[in-house]
N, C-alpha and C. Protein backbone atom coordinates (compact mmCIF):
# COMPACT_ATOMS: atom_id res chain seq x y z
N UNK A 1 0.74 -0.96 -0.12
CA UNK A 1 -0.27 -0.24 0.08
C UNK A 1 0.78 1.45 -0.10
N UNK A 2 2.19 1.24 1.13
CA UNK A 2 2.54 2.14 0.90
C UNK A 2 3.58 2.31 -0.60
N UNK A 3 3.82 1.77 -1.34
CA UNK A 3 4.37 1.72 -2.77
C UNK A 3 3.52 2.66 -3.66
N UNK A 4 1.98 1.97 -3.41
CA UNK A 4 1.16 2.51 -4.67
C UNK A 4 0.77 4.29 -4.45
N UNK A 5 0.99 4.09 -2.76
CA UNK A 5 0.75 5.79 -2.32
C UNK A 5 2.02 6.35 -2.99
N UNK A 6 3.00 5.98 -2.90
CA UNK A 6 4.67 6.73 -3.35
C UNK A 6 4.46 7.04 -4.71
N UNK A 7 4.03 5.70 -5.40
CA UNK A 7 4.29 5.87 -6.87
C UNK A 7 2.94 6.95 -6.77
N UNK A 8 1.44 6.94 -7.11
CA UNK A 8 0.78 8.03 -6.90
C UNK A 8 1.29 9.13 -6.56
N UNK A 9 1.79 9.35 -5.63
CA UNK A 9 2.27 10.95 -5.14
C UNK A 9 3.83 11.50 -6.57
N UNK A 10 4.22 10.50 -6.61
CA UNK A 10 5.41 10.66 -8.07
C UNK A 10 4.82 11.12 -8.88
N UNK A 11 3.45 10.56 -9.49
CA UNK A 11 3.20 10.76 -10.45
C UNK A 11 2.06 11.97 -10.63
N UNK A 12 1.90 12.25 -9.61
CA UNK A 12 1.20 13.43 -9.31
C UNK A 12 2.08 14.63 -9.35
N UNK A 13 3.28 14.62 -8.98
CA UNK A 13 4.29 15.62 -8.45
C UNK A 13 4.45 15.80 -10.27
N UNK A 14 4.70 14.87 -11.17
CA UNK A 14 5.86 15.28 -11.98
C UNK A 14 4.58 15.61 -13.45
N UNK A 15 3.33 15.56 -13.22
CA UNK A 15 2.10 15.46 -13.86
C UNK A 15 2.26 17.72 -13.44
N UNK A 16 2.00 17.55 -12.08
CA UNK A 16 2.18 18.86 -12.11
C UNK A 16 3.23 20.11 -12.50
N UNK A 17 4.54 19.45 -12.28
CA UNK A 17 5.53 19.97 -12.54
C UNK A 17 5.49 20.64 -14.45
N UNK A 18 5.12 19.23 -15.23
CA UNK A 18 5.04 19.82 -16.26
C UNK A 18 4.15 20.22 -16.59
N UNK A 19 2.89 20.18 -16.34
CA UNK A 19 1.51 21.74 -16.63
C UNK A 19 2.40 23.20 -16.33
N UNK A 20 2.96 23.02 -15.39
CA UNK A 20 3.52 24.48 -15.08
C UNK A 20 4.62 24.13 -15.79
N UNK A 21 5.36 23.95 -16.47
CA UNK A 21 6.67 24.51 -17.76
C UNK A 21 5.82 24.64 -18.99
N UNK A 22 4.55 23.72 -19.31
CA UNK A 22 4.23 24.28 -20.50
C UNK A 22 3.55 25.82 -20.33
N UNK A 23 2.60 25.78 -18.46
CA UNK A 23 1.99 27.70 -19.57
C UNK A 23 3.17 28.74 -19.20
N UNK A 24 4.53 27.61 -18.58
CA UNK A 24 5.88 29.04 -18.41
C UNK A 24 6.26 29.10 -19.98
N UNK A 25 6.63 28.33 -20.18
CA UNK A 25 6.59 28.39 -21.88
C UNK A 25 6.04 29.24 -23.42
N UNK A 26 4.56 29.22 -22.20
CA UNK A 26 3.77 30.17 -23.31
C UNK A 26 3.79 31.55 -23.57
N UNK A 27 4.32 32.11 -22.80
CA UNK A 27 4.90 33.14 -22.18
C UNK A 27 6.29 33.79 -23.16
N UNK A 28 6.19 33.87 -24.11
CA UNK A 28 6.89 34.26 -24.97
C UNK A 28 7.31 35.68 -25.27
N UNK A 29 6.82 36.09 -24.79
CA UNK A 29 6.35 37.64 -25.66
C UNK A 29 6.70 38.67 -24.64
N UNK A 30 7.66 39.25 -24.76
CA UNK A 30 8.28 40.34 -24.01
C UNK A 30 6.76 41.20 -23.01
N UNK A 31 7.21 41.08 -21.79
CA UNK A 31 5.95 42.03 -21.36
C UNK A 31 6.18 43.71 -20.68
N UNK A 32 8.03 43.70 -21.21
CA UNK A 32 8.32 45.36 -20.55
C UNK A 32 8.13 45.70 -21.73
N UNK A 33 7.48 47.28 -21.46
CA UNK A 33 6.93 47.71 -22.70
C UNK A 33 7.84 49.20 -22.90
N UNK A 34 8.43 49.51 -24.02
CA UNK A 34 9.59 51.03 -24.06
C UNK A 34 8.57 51.84 -23.94
N UNK A 35 9.66 53.17 -23.20
CA UNK A 35 9.07 53.97 -22.77
C UNK A 35 10.27 55.04 -23.31
N UNK A 36 9.93 56.06 -23.60
CA UNK A 36 10.40 57.29 -23.90
C UNK A 36 11.16 58.41 -23.35
N UNK A 37 12.77 58.63 -23.05
CA UNK A 37 13.23 59.25 -21.90
C UNK A 37 12.73 60.69 -22.68
N UNK A 38 12.12 61.42 -21.94
CA UNK A 38 12.35 63.11 -22.38
C UNK A 38 13.66 63.71 -21.35
N UNK A 39 13.95 64.87 -22.21
CA UNK A 39 14.86 65.49 -21.65
C UNK A 39 14.29 66.49 -20.46
N UNK A 40 14.95 66.66 -19.14
CA UNK A 40 15.07 67.37 -18.51
C UNK A 40 15.30 68.94 -18.94
N UNK A 41 14.03 69.75 -18.80
CA UNK A 41 14.84 70.92 -18.56
C UNK A 41 14.50 71.64 -17.27
N UNK A 42 13.50 71.98 -16.84
CA UNK A 42 13.72 72.79 -15.68
C UNK A 42 13.34 72.26 -14.69
N UNK A 43 13.48 71.91 -13.80
CA UNK A 43 13.06 71.31 -12.46
C UNK A 43 11.90 72.39 -11.67
N UNK A 44 10.93 71.30 -11.38
CA UNK A 44 9.60 71.93 -10.82
C UNK A 44 9.71 72.20 -9.80
N UNK A 45 9.69 73.19 -8.65
CA UNK A 45 9.93 74.19 -7.59
C UNK A 45 9.06 72.64 -6.52
N UNK A 46 9.28 72.53 -4.99
CA UNK A 46 9.20 71.14 -4.39
C UNK A 46 8.22 72.00 -3.53
N UNK A 47 6.99 71.91 -3.54
CA UNK A 47 5.91 72.40 -2.28
C UNK A 47 6.68 71.97 -0.82
N UNK A 48 6.53 72.64 0.29
CA UNK A 48 6.81 71.94 1.39
C UNK A 48 5.45 71.10 1.48
N UNK A 49 5.34 70.55 2.51
CA UNK A 49 4.39 69.77 3.16
C UNK A 49 4.01 70.03 4.51
N UNK A 50 2.70 70.12 4.65
CA UNK A 50 2.39 70.72 5.83
C UNK A 50 1.69 69.68 6.65
N UNK A 51 2.15 69.48 7.82
CA UNK A 51 1.32 68.62 9.13
C UNK A 51 0.21 69.22 10.00
N UNK A 52 -1.26 69.55 9.93
CA UNK A 52 -2.05 70.66 11.26
C UNK A 52 -2.64 69.07 11.90
N UNK A 53 -2.43 69.10 13.27
CA UNK A 53 -3.27 68.14 14.02
C UNK A 53 -3.69 69.49 14.33
N UNK A 54 -5.17 68.51 14.69
CA UNK A 54 -6.83 69.18 15.34
C UNK A 54 -6.84 68.73 16.28
N UNK A 55 -7.02 67.95 16.66
CA UNK A 55 -7.08 67.04 17.79
C UNK A 55 -6.51 66.92 18.66
N UNK A 56 -6.97 67.42 20.40
CA UNK A 56 -6.21 68.05 21.44
C UNK A 56 -5.45 66.81 22.07
N UNK A 57 -4.45 67.11 22.91
CA UNK A 57 -3.69 66.01 23.49
C UNK A 57 -4.41 65.12 24.21
N UNK A 58 -3.64 63.71 24.54
CA UNK A 58 -4.61 62.57 25.40
C UNK A 58 -4.58 62.71 26.83
N UNK A 59 -2.88 63.75 27.21
CA UNK A 59 -3.33 64.68 28.57
C UNK A 59 -5.09 65.29 29.08
N UNK A 60 -4.86 66.12 27.60
CA UNK A 60 -5.98 67.59 27.89
C UNK A 60 -7.71 66.61 28.00
N UNK A 61 -7.83 65.55 27.25
CA UNK A 61 -9.04 64.72 26.81
C UNK A 61 -9.30 64.06 28.17
N UNK A 62 -8.29 63.32 29.61
CA UNK A 62 -8.46 62.85 30.61
C UNK A 62 -8.13 63.94 31.45
N UNK A 63 -8.96 64.79 32.00
CA UNK A 63 -8.93 65.80 33.08
C UNK A 63 -8.99 64.55 34.34
N UNK A 64 -8.26 64.84 35.43
CA UNK A 64 -8.48 64.00 36.46
C UNK A 64 -8.77 65.28 37.59
N UNK A 65 -9.87 64.95 38.52
CA UNK A 65 -10.14 66.23 39.32
C UNK A 65 -9.11 65.66 40.61
N UNK A 66 -8.23 66.76 41.09
CA UNK A 66 -7.46 67.02 42.06
C UNK A 66 -7.91 67.08 43.60
N UNK A 67 -8.35 66.90 44.39
CA UNK A 67 -8.82 67.33 45.71
C UNK A 67 -7.82 67.47 46.50
N UNK A 68 -7.09 68.47 47.30
CA UNK A 68 -6.63 69.09 48.96
C UNK A 68 -7.22 69.34 49.90
N UNK A 69 -6.86 68.46 50.59
CA UNK A 69 -8.09 68.84 51.89
C UNK A 69 -9.19 68.81 52.02
N UNK A 70 -10.18 68.58 50.69
CA UNK A 70 -11.58 68.32 50.84
C UNK A 70 -12.05 69.34 49.38
N UNK A 71 -11.02 70.20 49.05
CA UNK A 71 -11.04 71.16 48.25
C UNK A 71 -10.85 70.79 46.85
N UNK A 72 -11.33 71.08 45.93
CA UNK A 72 -11.57 70.84 44.66
C UNK A 72 -10.04 71.72 44.03
N UNK A 73 -9.04 71.44 43.64
CA UNK A 73 -7.85 72.48 42.51
C UNK A 73 -7.66 72.01 41.24
N UNK A 74 -7.30 72.91 40.55
CA UNK A 74 -6.55 72.28 39.07
C UNK A 74 -5.38 71.47 39.07
N UNK A 75 -5.38 71.74 37.81
CA UNK A 75 -3.86 71.22 37.86
C UNK A 75 -2.58 71.74 37.83
N UNK A 76 -2.57 73.40 37.83
CA UNK A 76 -1.35 74.38 37.90
C UNK A 76 -1.26 74.23 39.57
N UNK A 77 -2.73 74.23 40.83
CA UNK A 77 -2.35 74.10 41.90
C UNK A 77 -1.61 73.26 42.54
N UNK A 78 -2.23 71.98 41.84
CA UNK A 78 -1.72 70.60 41.58
C UNK A 78 -0.49 70.78 41.43
N UNK A 79 0.09 70.87 40.97
CA UNK A 79 2.18 70.88 40.38
C UNK A 79 2.12 72.04 41.10
N UNK A 80 2.04 72.84 41.72
CA UNK A 80 2.88 74.11 42.66
C UNK A 80 2.74 73.36 44.48
N UNK A 81 2.29 72.42 44.90
CA UNK A 81 2.30 71.97 45.77
C UNK A 81 4.06 71.09 46.23
N UNK A 82 4.42 71.74 47.25
CA UNK A 82 5.27 70.94 47.98
C UNK A 82 4.84 69.36 48.55
N UNK A 83 5.66 68.55 48.04
CA UNK A 83 5.67 67.11 47.75
C UNK A 83 5.73 66.62 49.76
N UNK A 84 6.54 67.87 50.67
CA UNK A 84 7.15 67.85 51.64
C UNK A 84 6.08 67.75 52.63
N UNK A 85 4.50 68.46 52.49
CA UNK A 85 3.20 68.90 53.11
C UNK A 85 2.46 67.84 52.94
N UNK A 86 2.15 66.86 52.11
CA UNK A 86 1.78 66.11 51.81
C UNK A 86 1.72 64.74 53.19
N UNK A 87 0.86 64.70 53.77
CA UNK A 87 0.56 63.29 54.74
C UNK A 87 0.27 61.95 53.75
N UNK A 88 -1.02 62.19 53.04
CA UNK A 88 -1.73 61.61 52.49
C UNK A 88 -1.77 61.21 50.55
N UNK A 89 -1.98 59.95 50.01
CA UNK A 89 -2.54 60.33 48.77
C UNK A 89 -3.24 59.40 48.15
N UNK A 90 -4.31 59.46 48.10
CA UNK A 90 -5.61 58.11 47.73
C UNK A 90 -5.81 58.86 46.23
N UNK A 91 -5.71 57.37 45.72
CA UNK A 91 -6.36 57.71 43.73
C UNK A 91 -7.62 56.66 43.99
N UNK A 92 -8.46 56.84 43.19
CA UNK A 92 -9.76 56.79 43.00
C UNK A 92 -10.05 56.37 41.95
N UNK A 93 -10.50 55.39 41.56
CA UNK A 93 -10.44 54.71 39.69
C UNK A 93 -12.31 55.73 39.72
N UNK A 94 -12.05 55.54 38.04
CA UNK A 94 -12.88 55.98 37.20
C UNK A 94 -14.60 55.85 38.02
N UNK A 95 -15.12 54.61 37.98
CA UNK A 95 -16.19 54.85 39.03
C UNK A 95 -15.99 55.45 40.39
N UNK A 96 -15.40 54.97 41.41
CA UNK A 96 -15.78 55.65 42.49
C UNK A 96 -15.79 57.07 42.34
N UNK A 97 -14.99 57.28 41.65
CA UNK A 97 -14.38 59.14 41.61
C UNK A 97 -15.66 59.82 40.89
N UNK A 98 -15.94 58.70 39.80
CA UNK A 98 -17.96 59.37 39.51
C UNK A 98 -18.73 59.65 40.20
N UNK A 99 -18.49 58.60 41.29
CA UNK A 99 -19.38 58.46 42.59
C UNK A 99 -19.62 59.37 43.81
N UNK A 100 -18.50 59.86 43.12
CA UNK A 100 -18.45 61.31 44.40
C UNK A 100 -18.68 62.73 43.74
N UNK A 101 -17.77 62.95 43.09
CA UNK A 101 -17.69 63.68 42.64
C UNK A 101 -18.53 64.01 40.51
N UNK A 102 -19.32 63.29 40.43
CA UNK A 102 -19.76 62.87 38.99
C UNK A 102 -18.90 63.01 37.88
N UNK A 103 -20.02 63.86 36.80
CA UNK A 103 -18.76 63.74 35.91
C UNK A 103 -17.69 64.41 36.00
N UNK A 104 -17.10 65.24 37.35
CA UNK A 104 -16.08 66.06 36.92
C UNK A 104 -14.89 64.48 37.15
N UNK A 105 -15.41 63.57 38.27
CA UNK A 105 -14.72 62.66 38.13
C UNK A 105 -14.54 61.11 37.52
N UNK A 106 -15.44 61.79 36.10
CA UNK A 106 -15.49 60.64 35.39
C UNK A 106 -13.94 59.76 35.01
N UNK A 107 -12.91 60.64 35.07
CA UNK A 107 -11.91 60.01 34.43
C UNK A 107 -10.32 59.42 35.99
N UNK A 108 -11.28 59.50 37.12
CA UNK A 108 -10.76 59.38 38.22
C UNK A 108 -10.13 60.85 39.10
N UNK A 109 -9.76 60.51 40.20
CA UNK A 109 -9.66 61.43 40.99
C UNK A 109 -8.48 61.03 42.46
N UNK A 110 -7.17 62.27 42.23
CA UNK A 110 -6.32 62.10 43.13
C UNK A 110 -6.83 62.96 44.54
N UNK A 111 -6.57 62.44 45.96
CA UNK A 111 -6.97 62.91 46.56
C UNK A 111 -5.68 62.98 47.72
N UNK A 112 -5.65 64.51 48.09
CA UNK A 112 -4.16 64.41 48.77
C UNK A 112 -5.08 65.07 50.15
N UNK A 113 -4.37 64.44 51.29
CA UNK A 113 -4.52 65.29 52.57
C UNK A 113 -3.07 65.91 52.63
N UNK A 114 -2.81 67.25 53.53
CA UNK A 114 -1.81 68.06 53.86
C UNK A 114 -1.25 67.64 55.28
N UNK A 115 -0.32 67.57 56.21
CA UNK A 115 -0.18 67.42 56.91
C UNK A 115 -0.79 68.75 57.78
N UNK A 116 -0.46 68.81 59.08
CA UNK A 116 -0.83 69.24 60.10
C UNK A 116 -0.79 70.08 60.73
């Protein structure tokens, strides 16, 4: 049975190889077209490419609520806080912050407690 399968495979392989040779030999016509080469008289000026980005940055889209001692502060005030004056920091995930601060807390909140 193995020898029969081997012979069938050999005949099938040789048949496919002959069929490919016949289809390859039919293409005797040159497929590359002749092109005319024209002389270049004067180069055309190249226009510079302008890229305009209209979307806001990702950090502007994801506004987090900053809370210092129970008072909501903005990003500028948050950046001015001295880390040595902070007693604790708590980060709230989106769902928890949204339940406390409404739509303002949809992207999360950072709650800071200062030393007294």
